[in-house]
Amino acid sequence: MNHSKRAIWLAVNSEHGDRLVQITQEHTRLARSLIVDRDQLSDEEVRIYKDRIEQLRLDRDNILQQFENEEAPLSEPL
């Protein structure tokens, strides 16, 4: 799902910002392992990594969706 830059900005600067950073870091680590270490991973590990990435994407989208229709604070840049 695509989210507006505004929704992302609001979410990152909210109480959910730290969680979004955690999601990004874990997703990046798993995706890198799937690319770099693919030949060292079992089929089961690959499935587990892919399932976890999908769960992280859902978590991220659920957070960002909360900010899609939210009013911008006065301090938001134009």
Protein backbone atom coordinates (compact mmCIF):
# COMPACT_ATOMS: atom_id res chain seq x y z
CA MET A 1 0.00 0.00 0.00
CA ASN A 2 1.21 3.50 -0.80
CA HIS A 3 0.98 6.16 1.86
CA SER A 4 1.22 9.89 1.51
CA LYS A 5 4.38 11.69 2.49
CA ARG A 6 2.28 13.63 4.98
CA ALA A 7 1.04 10.45 6.69
CA ILE A 8 4.58 9.10 6.90
CA TRP A 9 5.85 12.41 8.33
CA LEU A 10 3.08 12.47 10.93
CA ALA A 11 3.65 8.84 11.92
CA VAL A 12 7.43 9.13 12.23
CA ASN A 13 7.03 12.21 14.40
CA SER A 14 4.45 10.56 16.66
CA GLU A 15 4.66 8.07 19.50
CA HIS A 16 4.92 5.39 16.76
CA GLY A 17 8.18 6.74 15.36
CA ASP A 18 10.43 4.40 17.33
CA ARG A 19 8.38 1.37 16.30
CA LEU A 20 8.57 2.40 12.63
CA VAL A 21 12.37 2.60 12.92
CA GLN A 22 12.44 -0.87 14.51
CA ILE A 23 10.26 -2.26 11.72
CA THR A 24 12.53 -0.72 9.08
CA GLN A 25 15.69 -2.07 10.68
CA GLU A 26 14.35 -5.61 11.08
CA HIS A 27 12.86 -5.64 7.58
CA THR A 28 16.15 -4.46 6.10
CA ARG A 29 18.14 -7.07 8.04
CA LEU A 30 15.85 -9.89 6.91
CA ALA A 31 15.72 -8.76 3.28
CA ARG A 32 19.51 -8.46 3.18
CA SER A 33 19.87 -11.96 4.57
CA LEU A 34 17.51 -13.30 1.91
CA ILE A 35 19.72 -11.74 -0.77
CA VAL A 36 23.23 -12.19 0.61
CA ASP A 37 22.85 -15.42 2.59
CA ARG A 38 20.24 -17.14 0.41
CA ASP A 39 22.42 -20.17 -0.36
CA GLN A 40 23.05 -20.72 3.37
CA LEU A 41 19.38 -20.63 4.38
CA SER A 42 17.10 -23.63 4.39
CA ASP A 43 13.76 -23.49 2.60
CA GLU A 44 12.10 -23.32 6.02
CA GLU A 45 14.26 -20.34 7.07
CA VAL A 46 13.44 -18.55 3.83
CA ARG A 47 9.72 -19.09 4.44
CA ILE A 48 10.06 -17.84 8.04
CA TYR A 49 11.96 -14.73 6.91
CA LYS A 50 9.40 -13.97 4.19
CA ASP A 51 6.49 -14.47 6.59
CA ARG A 52 8.13 -12.14 9.12
CA ILE A 53 8.73 -9.50 6.44
CA GLU A 54 5.06 -9.69 5.47
CA GLN A 55 4.03 -9.26 9.12
CA LEU A 56 6.34 -6.25 9.46
CA ARG A 57 4.78 -4.71 6.35
CA LEU A 58 1.32 -5.18 7.80
CA ASP A 59 2.40 -3.63 11.10
CA ARG A 60 3.91 -0.66 9.24
CA ASP A 61 0.82 -0.19 7.08
CA ASN A 62 -1.49 -0.35 10.10
CA ILE A 63 0.50 2.41 11.81
CA LEU A 64 0.67 4.60 8.71
CA GLN A 65 -3.03 4.13 7.93
CA GLN A 66 -3.88 5.82 11.22
CA PHE A 67 -2.35 9.03 9.89
CA GLU A 68 -3.77 9.09 6.35
CA ASN A 69 -6.76 11.25 7.24
CA GLU A 70 -5.39 12.99 10.32
CA GLU A 71 -5.16 16.77 10.45
CA ALA A 72 -1.62 18.11 10.20
CA PRO A 73 -0.22 19.96 13.22
CA LEU A 74 0.68 23.61 12.76
CA SER A 75 4.40 22.80 12.89
CA GLU A 76 4.27 20.57 9.79
CA PRO A 77 6.31 21.99 6.91
CA LEU A 78 4.34 22.97 3.83
